[in-house]
């Protein structure tokens, strides 16, 4: 039996069904918390949560975070470290929409 697929993301900590995910790795100006996982499978995971996004006005340091409901979908399972299978792609929709795919050069970093 294969181990569960994990999400490592910005924290480089393998997790199954994390409570939160930072989407903007460089500055954490966009993250989702209070995640409620609907599915966590071998190919796809989906959750609903609360997004926190900095408006960066007049700049990110002085900006304000707005919150809104968001749906997250993890996909594109890759093997970057040993035999660890992890989701490399995150897509989000709701008050904001987008996708990001993390390359193995990023996912392969060790904490």
PDB file of N, CA and C in Angstrom:
ATOM      1  N   UNK A   1       0.838  -1.181   0.000  1.00  0.00           N
ATOM      2  CA  UNK A   1       0.000   0.000   0.000  1.00  0.00           C
ATOM      3  C   UNK A   1       0.877   1.236   0.000  1.00  0.00           C
ATOM      4  N   UNK A   2       0.553   2.187  -0.853  1.00  0.00           N
ATOM      5  CA  UNK A   2       1.323   3.419  -0.944  1.00  0.00           C
ATOM      6  C   UNK A   2       0.944   4.381   0.174  1.00  0.00           C
ATOM      7  N   UNK A   3       1.937   5.154   0.615  1.00  0.00           N
ATOM      8  CA  UNK A   3       1.668   6.194   1.606  1.00  0.00           C
ATOM      9  C   UNK A   3       0.822   7.284   0.959  1.00  0.00           C
ATOM     10  N   UNK A   4       0.117   8.031   1.778  1.00  0.00           N
ATOM     11  CA  UNK A   4      -0.737   9.118   1.264  1.00  0.00           C
ATOM     12  C   UNK A   4       0.118  10.160   0.553  1.00  0.00           C
ATOM     13  N   UNK A   5      -0.454  10.772  -0.452  1.00  0.00           N
ATOM     14  CA  UNK A   5       0.184  11.895  -1.132  1.00  0.00           C
ATOM     15  C   UNK A   5       0.189  13.056  -0.142  1.00  0.00           C
ATOM     16  N   UNK A   6       1.268  13.844  -0.137  1.00  0.00           N
ATOM     17  CA  UNK A   6       1.394  14.937   0.820  1.00  0.00           C
ATOM     18  C   UNK A   6       1.445  16.287   0.111  1.00  0.00           C
ATOM     19  N   UNK A   7       1.273  17.336   0.880  1.00  0.00           N
ATOM     20  CA  UNK A   7       1.489  18.702   0.426  1.00  0.00           C
ATOM     21  C   UNK A   7       2.660  19.232   1.244  1.00  0.00           C
ATOM     22  N   UNK A   8       3.699  19.733   0.586  1.00  0.00           N
ATOM     23  CA  UNK A   8       4.814  20.332   1.318  1.00  0.00           C
ATOM     24  C   UNK A   8       4.784  21.844   1.190  1.00  0.00           C
ATOM     25  N   UNK A   9       4.518  22.344  -0.013  1.00  0.00           N
ATOM     26  CA  UNK A   9       4.357  23.780  -0.217  1.00  0.00           C
ATOM     27  C   UNK A   9       5.481  24.627   0.322  1.00  0.00           C
ATOM     28  N   UNK A  10       5.136  25.833   0.744  1.00  0.00           N
ATOM     29  CA  UNK A  10       6.118  26.828   1.186  1.00  0.00           C
ATOM     30  C   UNK A  10       6.881  26.408   2.441  1.00  0.00           C
ATOM     31  N   UNK A  11       6.228  25.672   3.322  1.00  0.00           N
ATOM     32  CA  UNK A  11       6.846  25.300   4.596  1.00  0.00           C
ATOM     33  C   UNK A  11       7.842  24.159   4.461  1.00  0.00           C
ATOM     34  N   UNK A  12       7.814  23.431   3.336  1.00  0.00           N
ATOM     35  CA  UNK A  12       8.682  22.275   3.125  1.00  0.00           C
ATOM     36  C   UNK A  12       8.511  21.230   4.219  1.00  0.00           C
ATOM     37  N   UNK A  13       7.287  21.149   4.743  1.00  0.00           N
ATOM     38  CA  UNK A  13       6.939  20.150   5.749  1.00  0.00           C
ATOM     39  C   UNK A  13       5.843  19.276   5.162  1.00  0.00           C
ATOM     40  N   UNK A  14       6.125  18.013   4.874  1.00  0.00           N
ATOM     41  CA  UNK A  14       5.089  17.151   4.302  1.00  0.00           C
ATOM     42  C   UNK A  14       3.903  17.013   5.247  1.00  0.00           C
ATOM     43  N   UNK A  15       2.704  17.286   4.712  1.00  0.00           N
ATOM     44  CA  UNK A  15       1.494  17.191   5.510  1.00  0.00           C
ATOM     45  C   UNK A  15       0.374  16.549   4.696  1.00  0.00           C
ATOM     46  N   UNK A  16      -0.485  15.863   5.393  1.00  0.00           N
ATOM     47  CA  UNK A  16      -1.726  15.364   4.819  1.00  0.00           C
ATOM     48  C   UNK A  16      -2.836  16.205   5.432  1.00  0.00           C
ATOM     49  N   UNK A  17      -3.683  16.765   4.601  1.00  0.00           N
ATOM     50  CA  UNK A  17      -4.794  17.614   5.029  1.00  0.00           C
ATOM     51  C   UNK A  17      -4.335  18.754   5.947  1.00  0.00           C
ATOM     52  N   UNK A  18      -3.446  19.620   5.476  1.00  0.00           N
ATOM     53  CA  UNK A  18      -2.994  20.723   6.334  1.00  0.00           C
ATOM     54  C   UNK A  18      -4.147  21.661   6.698  1.00  0.00           C
ATOM     55  N   UNK A  19      -4.038  22.295   7.853  1.00  0.00           N
ATOM     56  CA  UNK A  19      -5.065  23.235   8.317  1.00  0.00           C
ATOM     57  C   UNK A  19      -4.977  24.560   7.576  1.00  0.00           C
ATOM     58  N   UNK A  20      -3.788  24.866   7.038  1.00  0.00           N
ATOM     59  CA  UNK A  20      -3.596  26.110   6.296  1.00  0.00           C
ATOM     60  C   UNK A  20      -2.536  25.908   5.221  1.00  0.00           C
ATOM     61  N   UNK A  21      -2.592  26.760   4.197  1.00  0.00           N
ATOM     62  CA  UNK A  21      -1.617  26.727   3.107  1.00  0.00           C
ATOM     63  C   UNK A  21      -1.238  28.156   2.762  1.00  0.00           C
ATOM     64  N   UNK A  22       0.069  28.431   2.737  1.00  0.00           N
ATOM     65  CA  UNK A  22       0.554  29.725   2.264  1.00  0.00           C
ATOM     66  C   UNK A  22       0.682  29.615   0.748  1.00  0.00           C
ATOM     67  N   UNK A  23       0.036  30.516   0.031  1.00  0.00           N
ATOM     68  CA  UNK A  23       0.070  30.498  -1.428  1.00  0.00           C
ATOM     69  C   UNK A  23       1.219  31.365  -1.936  1.00  0.00           C
ATOM     70  N   UNK A  24       1.446  32.512  -1.303  1.00  0.00           N
ATOM     71  CA  UNK A  24       2.528  33.424  -1.694  1.00  0.00           C
ATOM     72  C   UNK A  24       3.743  33.133  -0.824  1.00  0.00           C
ATOM     73  N   UNK A  25       4.595  32.241  -1.300  1.00  0.00           N
ATOM     74  CA  UNK A  25       5.717  31.761  -0.496  1.00  0.00           C
ATOM     75  C   UNK A  25       6.698  32.865  -0.083  1.00  0.00           C
ATOM     76  N   UNK A  26       6.959  33.815  -0.951  1.00  0.00           N
ATOM     77  CA  UNK A  26       7.987  34.813  -0.677  1.00  0.00           C
ATOM     78  C   UNK A  26       7.649  35.696   0.516  1.00  0.00           C
ATOM     79  N   UNK A  27       6.378  36.081   0.652  1.00  0.00           N
ATOM     80  CA  UNK A  27       6.045  37.059   1.689  1.00  0.00           C
ATOM     81  C   UNK A  27       4.795  36.723   2.498  1.00  0.00           C
ATOM     82  N   UNK A  28       4.155  35.610   2.229  1.00  0.00           N
ATOM     83  CA  UNK A  28       2.939  35.166   2.925  1.00  0.00           C
ATOM     84  C   UNK A  28       1.821  36.205   2.852  1.00  0.00           C
ATOM     85  N   UNK A  29       1.776  36.985   1.784  1.00  0.00           N
ATOM     86  CA  UNK A  29       0.717  37.975   1.611  1.00  0.00           C
ATOM     87  C   UNK A  29      -0.569  37.368   1.060  1.00  0.00           C
ATOM     88  N   UNK A  30      -0.574  36.054   0.879  1.00  0.00           N
ATOM     89  CA  UNK A  30      -1.778  35.347   0.446  1.00  0.00           C
ATOM     90  C   UNK A  30      -1.712  33.950   1.039  1.00  0.00           C
ATOM     91  N   UNK A  31      -2.668  33.636   1.909  1.00  0.00           N
ATOM     92  CA  UNK A  31      -2.725  32.307   2.505  1.00  0.00           C
ATOM     93  C   UNK A  31      -4.175  31.927   2.759  1.00  0.00           C
ATOM     94  N   UNK A  32      -4.396  30.632   2.959  1.00  0.00           N
ATOM     95  CA  UNK A  32      -5.729  30.099   3.214  1.00  0.00           C
ATOM     96  C   UNK A  32      -5.658  29.293   4.501  1.00  0.00           C
ATOM     97  N   UNK A  33      -6.595  29.553   5.399  1.00  0.00           N
ATOM     98  CA  UNK A  33      -6.626  28.768   6.627  1.00  0.00           C
ATOM     99  C   UNK A  33      -8.033  28.230   6.876  1.00  0.00           C
ATOM    100  N   UNK A  34      -8.206  27.565   8.002  1.00  0.00           N
ATOM    101  CA  UNK A  34      -9.469  26.918   8.352  1.00  0.00           C
ATOM    102  C   UNK A  34      -9.917  25.984   7.227  1.00  0.00           C
ATOM    103  N   UNK A  35      -8.966  25.266   6.630  1.00  0.00           N
ATOM    104  CA  UNK A  35      -9.288  24.373   5.522  1.00  0.00           C
ATOM    105  C   UNK A  35     -10.108  23.182   6.001  1.00  0.00           C
ATOM    106  N   UNK A  36     -11.177  22.917   5.297  1.00  0.00           N
ATOM    107  CA  UNK A  36     -12.032  21.757   5.541  1.00  0.00           C
ATOM    108  C   UNK A  36     -11.924  20.876   4.303  1.00  0.00           C
ATOM    109  N   UNK A  37     -11.229  19.748   4.423  1.00  0.00           N
ATOM    110  CA  UNK A  37     -10.940  18.886   3.279  1.00  0.00           C
ATOM    111  C   UNK A  37     -12.154  18.044   2.927  1.00  0.00           C
ATOM    112  N   UNK A  38     -12.582  18.157   1.685  1.00  0.00           N
ATOM    113  CA  UNK A  38     -13.695  17.365   1.169  1.00  0.00           C
ATOM    114  C   UNK A  38     -13.179  16.052   0.612  1.00  0.00           C
ATOM    115  N   UNK A  39     -12.018  16.125  -0.069  1.00  0.00           N
ATOM    116  CA  UNK A  39     -11.384  14.917  -0.615  1.00  0.00           C
ATOM    117  C   UNK A  39      -9.879  15.014  -0.403  1.00  0.00           C
ATOM    118  N   UNK A  40      -9.256  13.849  -0.268  1.00  0.00           N
ATOM    119  CA  UNK A  40      -7.788  13.755  -0.257  1.00  0.00           C
ATOM    120  C   UNK A  40      -7.464  12.400  -0.867  1.00  0.00           C
ATOM    121  N   UNK A  41      -7.235  12.401  -2.165  1.00  0.00           N
ATOM    122  CA  UNK A  41      -7.033  11.151  -2.872  1.00  0.00           C
ATOM    123  C   UNK A  41      -5.623  10.998  -3.408  1.00  0.00           C
ATOM    124  N   UNK A  42      -5.445   9.994  -4.232  1.00  0.00           N
ATOM    125  CA  UNK A  42      -4.130   9.698  -4.811  1.00  0.00           C
ATOM    126  C   UNK A  42      -3.776  10.647  -5.951  1.00  0.00           C
ATOM    127  N   UNK A  43      -4.772  11.388  -6.477  1.00  0.00           N
ATOM    128  CA  UNK A  43      -4.503  12.300  -7.600  1.00  0.00           C
ATOM    129  C   UNK A  43      -4.957  13.732  -7.355  1.00  0.00           C
ATOM    130  N   UNK A  44      -5.970  13.909  -6.502  1.00  0.00           N
ATOM    131  CA  UNK A  44      -6.551  15.235  -6.280  1.00  0.00           C
ATOM    132  C   UNK A  44      -6.998  15.365  -4.831  1.00  0.00           C
ATOM    133  N   UNK A  45      -6.879  16.600  -4.307  1.00  0.00           N
ATOM    134  CA  UNK A  45      -7.416  16.927  -2.987  1.00  0.00           C
ATOM    135  C   UNK A  45      -8.157  18.261  -3.118  1.00  0.00           C
ATOM    136  N   UNK A  46      -9.310  18.374  -2.453  1.00  0.00           N
ATOM    137  CA  UNK A  46     -10.080  19.621  -2.523  1.00  0.00           C
ATOM    138  C   UNK A  46     -10.519  20.023  -1.114  1.00  0.00           C
ATOM    139  N   UNK A  47     -10.533  21.341  -0.904  1.00  0.00           N
ATOM    140  CA  UNK A  47     -10.938  21.868   0.403  1.00  0.00           C
ATOM    141  C   UNK A  47     -11.565  23.239   0.241  1.00  0.00           C
ATOM    142  N   UNK A  48     -12.304  23.638   1.247  1.00  0.00           N
ATOM    143  CA  UNK A  48     -12.840  24.992   1.341  1.00  0.00           C
ATOM    144  C   UNK A  48     -12.232  25.626   2.584  1.00  0.00           C
ATOM    145  N   UNK A  49     -11.964  26.923   2.491  1.00  0.00           N
ATOM    146  CA  UNK A  49     -11.378  27.613   3.632  1.00  0.00           C
ATOM    147  C   UNK A  49     -11.550  29.107   3.515  1.00  0.00           C
ATOM    148  N   UNK A  50     -10.808  29.831   4.349  1.00  0.00           N
ATOM    149  CA  UNK A  50     -10.848  31.287   4.365  1.00  0.00           C
ATOM    150  C   UNK A  50      -9.532  31.827   3.842  1.00  0.00           C
ATOM    151  N   UNK A  51      -9.606  32.626   2.782  1.00  0.00           N
ATOM    152  CA  UNK A  51      -8.410  33.241   2.202  1.00  0.00           C
ATOM    153  C   UNK A  51      -8.124  34.557   2.906  1.00  0.00           C
ATOM    154  N   UNK A  52      -6.838  34.867   3.015  1.00  0.00           N
ATOM    155  CA  UNK A  52      -6.359  36.135   3.554  1.00  0.00           C
ATOM    156  C   UNK A  52      -5.403  36.686   2.509  1.00  0.00           C
ATOM    157  N   UNK A  53      -5.762  37.806   1.893  1.00  0.00           N
ATOM    158  CA  UNK A  53      -4.949  38.359   0.814  1.00  0.00           C
ATOM    159  C   UNK A  53      -4.674  39.835   1.097  1.00  0.00           C
ATOM    160  N   UNK A  54      -3.387  40.184   1.071  1.00  0.00           N
ATOM    161  CA  UNK A  54      -2.957  41.563   1.295  1.00  0.00           C
ATOM    162  C   UNK A  54      -3.262  42.373   0.044  1.00  0.00           C
ATOM    163  N   UNK A  55      -3.905  43.537   0.212  1.00  0.00           N
ATOM    164  CA  UNK A  55      -4.185  44.382  -0.957  1.00  0.00           C
ATOM    165  C   UNK A  55      -2.952  45.180  -1.394  1.00  0.00           C
ATOM    166  N   UNK A  56      -1.921  45.180  -0.565  1.00  0.00           N
ATOM    167  CA  UNK A  56      -0.642  45.842  -0.876  1.00  0.00           C
ATOM    168  C   UNK A  56      -0.834  47.309  -1.284  1.00  0.00           C
ATOM    169  N   UNK A  57      -1.797  47.984  -0.666  1.00  0.00           N
ATOM    170  CA  UNK A  57      -2.018  49.396  -0.969  1.00  0.00           C
ATOM    171  C   UNK A  57      -1.755  50.220   0.273  1.00  0.00           C
ATOM    172  N   UNK A  58      -0.899  51.158   0.284  1.00  0.00           N
ATOM    173  CA  UNK A  58      -0.129  51.683  -0.848  1.00  0.00           C
ATOM    174  C   UNK A  58       1.073  50.796  -1.199  1.00  0.00           C
ATOM    175  N   UNK A  59       1.448  49.885  -0.290  1.00  0.00           N
ATOM    176  CA  UNK A  59       2.486  48.892  -0.554  1.00  0.00           C
ATOM    177  C   UNK A  59       2.185  47.704   0.354  1.00  0.00           C
ATOM    178  N   UNK A  60       2.884  46.611   0.149  1.00  0.00           N
ATOM    179  CA  UNK A  60       2.564  45.396   0.905  1.00  0.00           C
ATOM    180  C   UNK A  60       2.827  45.549   2.404  1.00  0.00           C
ATOM    181  N   UNK A  61       3.850  46.310   2.767  1.00  0.00           N
ATOM    182  CA  UNK A  61       4.143  46.503   4.185  1.00  0.00           C
ATOM    183  C   UNK A  61       3.036  47.288   4.889  1.00  0.00           C
ATOM    184  N   UNK A  62       2.398  48.198   4.175  1.00  0.00           N
ATOM    185  CA  UNK A  62       1.347  49.035   4.757  1.00  0.00           C
ATOM    186  C   UNK A  62      -0.048  48.599   4.326  1.00  0.00           C
ATOM    187  N   UNK A  63      -0.135  47.494   3.608  1.00  0.00           N
ATOM    188  CA  UNK A  63      -1.418  47.029   3.090  1.00  0.00           C
ATOM    189  C   UNK A  63      -2.302  46.423   4.162  1.00  0.00           C
ATOM    190  N   UNK A  64      -3.504  46.052   3.754  1.00  0.00           N
ATOM    191  CA  UNK A  64      -4.481  45.447   4.655  1.00  0.00           C
ATOM    192  C   UNK A  64      -4.933  44.114   4.068  1.00  0.00           C
ATOM    193  N   UNK A  65      -5.124  43.151   4.949  1.00  0.00           N
ATOM    194  CA  UNK A  65      -5.595  41.847   4.512  1.00  0.00           C
ATOM    195  C   UNK A  65      -7.116  41.850   4.412  1.00  0.00           C
ATOM    196  N   UNK A  66      -7.616  41.337   3.299  1.00  0.00           N
ATOM    197  CA  UNK A  66      -9.049  41.104   3.152  1.00  0.00           C
ATOM    198  C   UNK A  66      -9.255  39.601   3.216  1.00  0.00           C
ATOM    199  N   UNK A  67     -10.381  39.184   3.703  1.00  0.00           N
ATOM    200  CA  UNK A  67     -10.685  37.759   3.808  1.00  0.00           C
ATOM    201  C   UNK A  67     -11.921  37.437   2.974  1.00  0.00           C
ATOM    202  N   UNK A  68     -11.941  36.205   2.473  1.00  0.00           N
ATOM    203  CA  UNK A  68     -13.065  35.748   1.665  1.00  0.00           C
ATOM    204  C   UNK A  68     -13.023  34.233   1.571  1.00  0.00           C
ATOM    205  N   UNK A  69     -14.174  33.594   1.308  1.00  0.00           N
ATOM    206  CA  UNK A  69     -14.205  32.141   1.140  1.00  0.00           C
ATOM    207  C   UNK A  69     -13.429  31.738  -0.114  1.00  0.00           C
ATOM    208  N   UNK A  70     -12.757  30.613  -0.036  1.00  0.00           N
ATOM    209  CA  UNK A  70     -11.962  30.140  -1.166  1.00  0.00           C
ATOM    210  C   UNK A  70     -12.004  28.622  -1.223  1.00  0.00           C
ATOM    211  N   UNK A  71     -12.009  28.090  -2.428  1.00  0.00           N
ATOM    212  CA  UNK A  71     -11.887  26.649  -2.651  1.00  0.00           C
ATOM    213  C   UNK A  71     -10.494  26.380  -3.185  1.00  0.00           C
ATOM    214  N   UNK A  72      -9.854  25.353  -2.660  1.00  0.00           N
ATOM    215  CA  UNK A  72      -8.498  24.973  -3.043  1.00  0.00           C
ATOM    216  C   UNK A  72      -8.533  23.582  -3.656  1.00  0.00           C
ATOM    217  N   UNK A  73      -7.762  23.400  -4.722  1.00  0.00           N
ATOM    218  CA  UNK A  73      -7.645  22.084  -5.367  1.00  0.00           C
ATOM    219  C   UNK A  73      -6.166  21.783  -5.551  1.00  0.00           C
ATOM    220  N   UNK A  74      -5.698  20.686  -4.985  1.00  0.00           N
ATOM    221  CA  UNK A  74      -4.318  20.233  -5.158  1.00  0.00           C
ATOM    222  C   UNK A  74      -4.306  19.116  -6.182  1.00  0.00           C
ATOM    223  N   UNK A  75      -3.295  19.116  -7.054  1.00  0.00           N
ATOM    224  CA  UNK A  75      -3.198  18.079  -8.088  1.00  0.00           C
ATOM    225  C   UNK A  75      -1.746  17.981  -8.551  1.00  0.00           C
ATOM    226  N   UNK A  76      -1.543  17.300  -9.675  1.00  0.00           N
ATOM    227  CA  UNK A  76      -0.236  17.053 -10.295  1.00  0.00           C
ATOM    228  C   UNK A  76       0.738  16.404  -9.303  1.00  0.00           C
ATOM    229  N   UNK A  77       0.546  15.138  -9.075  1.00  0.00           N
ATOM    230  CA  UNK A  77       1.382  14.383  -8.143  1.00  0.00           C
ATOM    231  C   UNK A  77       2.742  14.125  -8.778  1.00  0.00           C
ATOM    232  N   UNK A  78       3.794  14.464  -8.030  1.00  0.00           N
ATOM    233  CA  UNK A  78       5.172  14.268  -8.484  1.00  0.00           C
ATOM    234  C   UNK A  78       5.964  13.558  -7.390  1.00  0.00           C
ATOM    235  N   UNK A  79       7.110  13.024  -7.766  1.00  0.00           N
ATOM    236  CA  UNK A  79       8.033  12.431  -6.808  1.00  0.00           C
ATOM    237  C   UNK A  79       9.345  13.188  -6.937  1.00  0.00           C
ATOM    238  N   UNK A  80       9.639  14.033  -5.966  1.00  0.00           N
ATOM    239  CA  UNK A  80      10.834  14.882  -6.024  1.00  0.00           C
ATOM    240  C   UNK A  80      11.885  14.474  -4.999  1.00  0.00           C
ATOM    241  N   UNK A  81      11.448  13.928  -3.875  1.00  0.00           N
ATOM    242  CA  UNK A  81      12.353  13.554  -2.791  1.00  0.00           C
ATOM    243  C   UNK A  81      12.119  12.091  -2.478  1.00  0.00           C
ATOM    244  N   UNK A  82      13.132  11.267  -2.712  1.00  0.00           N
ATOM    245  CA  UNK A  82      12.980   9.851  -2.417  1.00  0.00           C
ATOM    246  C   UNK A  82      11.748   9.289  -3.080  1.00  0.00           C
ATOM    247  N   UNK A  83      10.953   8.597  -2.309  1.00  0.00           N
ATOM    248  CA  UNK A  83       9.705   8.018  -2.837  1.00  0.00           C
ATOM    249  C   UNK A  83       8.481   8.806  -2.386  1.00  0.00           C
ATOM    250  N   UNK A  84       8.700   9.997  -1.843  1.00  0.00           N
ATOM    251  CA  UNK A  84       7.587  10.811  -1.356  1.00  0.00           C
ATOM    252  C   UNK A  84       6.791  11.377  -2.530  1.00  0.00           C
ATOM    253  N   UNK A  85       5.511  11.028  -2.571  1.00  0.00           N
ATOM    254  CA  UNK A  85       4.626  11.553  -3.610  1.00  0.00           C
ATOM    255  C   UNK A  85       3.936  12.785  -3.033  1.00  0.00           C
ATOM    256  N   UNK A  86       3.978  13.875  -3.806  1.00  0.00           N
ATOM    257  CA  UNK A  86       3.384  15.107  -3.296  1.00  0.00           C
ATOM    258  C   UNK A  86       2.666  15.880  -4.393  1.00  0.00           C
ATOM    259  N   UNK A  87       1.698  16.651  -3.962  1.00  0.00           N
ATOM    260  CA  UNK A  87       0.986  17.523  -4.893  1.00  0.00           C
ATOM    261  C   UNK A  87       1.897  18.692  -5.244  1.00  0.00           C
ATOM    262  N   UNK A  88       2.007  18.996  -6.534  1.00  0.00           N
ATOM    263  CA  UNK A  88       2.849  20.104  -6.980  1.00  0.00           C
ATOM    264  C   UNK A  88       2.029  21.295  -7.455  1.00  0.00           C
ATOM    265  N   UNK A  89       0.755  21.094  -7.711  1.00  0.00           N
ATOM    266  CA  UNK A  89      -0.068  22.175  -8.271  1.00  0.00           C
ATOM    267  C   UNK A  89      -1.191  22.537  -7.299  1.00  0.00           C
ATOM    268  N   UNK A  90      -1.373  23.839  -7.116  1.00  0.00           N
ATOM    269  CA  UNK A  90      -2.483  24.337  -6.323  1.00  0.00           C
ATOM    270  C   UNK A  90      -3.291  25.296  -7.207  1.00  0.00           C
ATOM    271  N   UNK A  91      -4.588  25.112  -7.181  1.00  0.00           N
ATOM    272  CA  UNK A  91      -5.501  26.001  -7.898  1.00  0.00           C
ATOM    273  C   UNK A  91      -6.511  26.505  -6.876  1.00  0.00           C
ATOM    274  N   UNK A  92      -6.954  27.749  -7.045  1.00  0.00           N
ATOM    275  CA  UNK A  92      -7.913  28.315  -6.110  1.00  0.00           C
ATOM    276  C   UNK A  92      -8.971  29.100  -6.864  1.00  0.00           C
ATOM    277  N   UNK A  93     -10.159  29.128  -6.274  1.00  0.00           N
ATOM    278  CA  UNK A  93     -11.259  29.881  -6.874  1.00  0.00           C
ATOM    279  C   UNK A  93     -12.179  30.360  -5.758  1.00  0.00           C
ATOM    280  N   UNK A  94     -12.904  31.398  -6.065  1.00  0.00           N
ATOM    281  CA  UNK A  94     -13.791  32.037  -5.096  1.00  0.00           C
ATOM    282  C   UNK A  94     -13.618  33.533  -5.242  1.00  0.00           C
ATOM    283  N   UNK A  95     -13.193  34.196  -4.173  1.00  0.00           N
ATOM    284  CA  UNK A  95     -12.942  35.630  -4.217  1.00  0.00           C
ATOM    285  C   UNK A  95     -11.713  35.994  -5.036  1.00  0.00           C
ATOM    286  N   UNK A  96     -10.896  35.028  -5.358  1.00  0.00           N
ATOM    287  CA  UNK A  96      -9.727  35.168  -6.240  1.00  0.00           C
ATOM    288  C   UNK A  96      -9.578  33.856  -6.982  1.00  0.00           C
ATOM    289  N   UNK A  97      -8.984  33.900  -8.145  1.00  0.00           N
ATOM    290  CA  UNK A  97      -8.798  32.697  -8.953  1.00  0.00           C
ATOM    291  C   UNK A  97      -7.374  32.656  -9.455  1.00  0.00           C
ATOM    292  N   UNK A  98      -6.774  31.468  -9.446  1.00  0.00           N
ATOM    293  CA  UNK A  98      -5.429  31.326  -9.980  1.00  0.00           C
ATOM    294  C   UNK A  98      -4.900  29.924  -9.788  1.00  0.00           C
ATOM    295  N   UNK A  99      -3.691  29.714 -10.270  1.00  0.00           N
ATOM    296  CA  UNK A  99      -3.003  28.432 -10.116  1.00  0.00           C
ATOM    297  C   UNK A  99      -1.517  28.688  -9.942  1.00  0.00           C
ATOM    298  N   UNK A 100      -0.862  27.737  -9.345  1.00  0.00           N
ATOM    299  CA  UNK A 100       0.592  27.764  -9.249  1.00  0.00           C
ATOM    300  C   UNK A 100       1.077  26.330  -9.223  1.00  0.00           C
ATOM    301  N   UNK A 101       2.152  26.061  -9.954  1.00  0.00           N
ATOM    302  CA  UNK A 101       2.778  24.748  -9.941  1.00  0.00           C
ATOM    303  C   UNK A 101       4.175  24.912  -9.389  1.00  0.00           C
ATOM    304  N   UNK A 102       4.482  24.179  -8.339  1.00  0.00           N
ATOM    305  CA  UNK A 102       5.789  24.255  -7.690  1.00  0.00           C
ATOM    306  C   UNK A 102       6.715  23.222  -8.338  1.00  0.00           C
ATOM    307  N   UNK A 103       7.879  23.651  -8.829  1.00  0.00           N
ATOM    308  CA  UNK A 103       8.801  22.724  -9.489  1.00  0.00           C
ATOM    309  C   UNK A 103       9.551  21.858  -8.470  1.00  0.00           C
ATOM    310  N   UNK A 104      10.094  20.744  -8.925  1.00  0.00           N
ATOM    311  CA  UNK A 104      10.861  19.869  -8.046  1.00  0.00           C
ATOM    312  C   UNK A 104      12.047  20.595  -7.417  1.00  0.00           C
ATOM    313  N   UNK A 105      12.619  21.564  -8.125  1.00  0.00           N
ATOM    314  CA  UNK A 105      13.747  22.301  -7.545  1.00  0.00           C
ATOM    315  C   UNK A 105      13.317  23.037  -6.276  1.00  0.00           C
ATOM    316  N   UNK A 106      12.033  23.382  -6.171  1.00  0.00           N
ATOM    317  CA  UNK A 106      11.493  23.998  -4.966  1.00  0.00           C
ATOM    318  C   UNK A 106      11.020  22.929  -3.977  1.00  0.00           C
ATOM    319  N   UNK A 107      10.271  21.956  -4.460  1.00  0.00           N
ATOM    320  CA  UNK A 107       9.727  20.921  -3.596  1.00  0.00           C
ATOM    321  C   UNK A 107      10.809  20.025  -3.017  1.00  0.00           C
ATOM    322  N   UNK A 108      11.940  19.923  -3.723  1.00  0.00           N
ATOM    323  CA  UNK A 108      13.024  19.064  -3.271  1.00  0.00           C
ATOM    324  C   UNK A 108      13.815  19.616  -2.109  1.00  0.00           C
ATOM    325  N   UNK A 109      13.575  20.881  -1.733  1.00  0.00           N
ATOM    326  CA  UNK A 109      14.283  21.460  -0.607  1.00  0.00           C
ATOM    327  C   UNK A 109      13.911  20.703   0.661  1.00  0.00           C
ATOM    328  N   UNK A 110      14.861  20.543   1.530  1.00  0.00           N
ATOM    329  CA  UNK A 110      14.578  19.855   2.785  1.00  0.00           C
ATOM    330  C   UNK A 110      14.513  20.876   3.903  1.00  0.00           C
ATOM    331  N   UNK A 111      13.574  20.690   4.876  1.00  0.00           N
ATOM    332  CA  UNK A 111      13.427  21.668   5.961  1.00  0.00           C
ATOM    333  C   UNK A 111      14.662  21.744   6.823  1.00  0.00           C
TER     334      UNK A 111
END
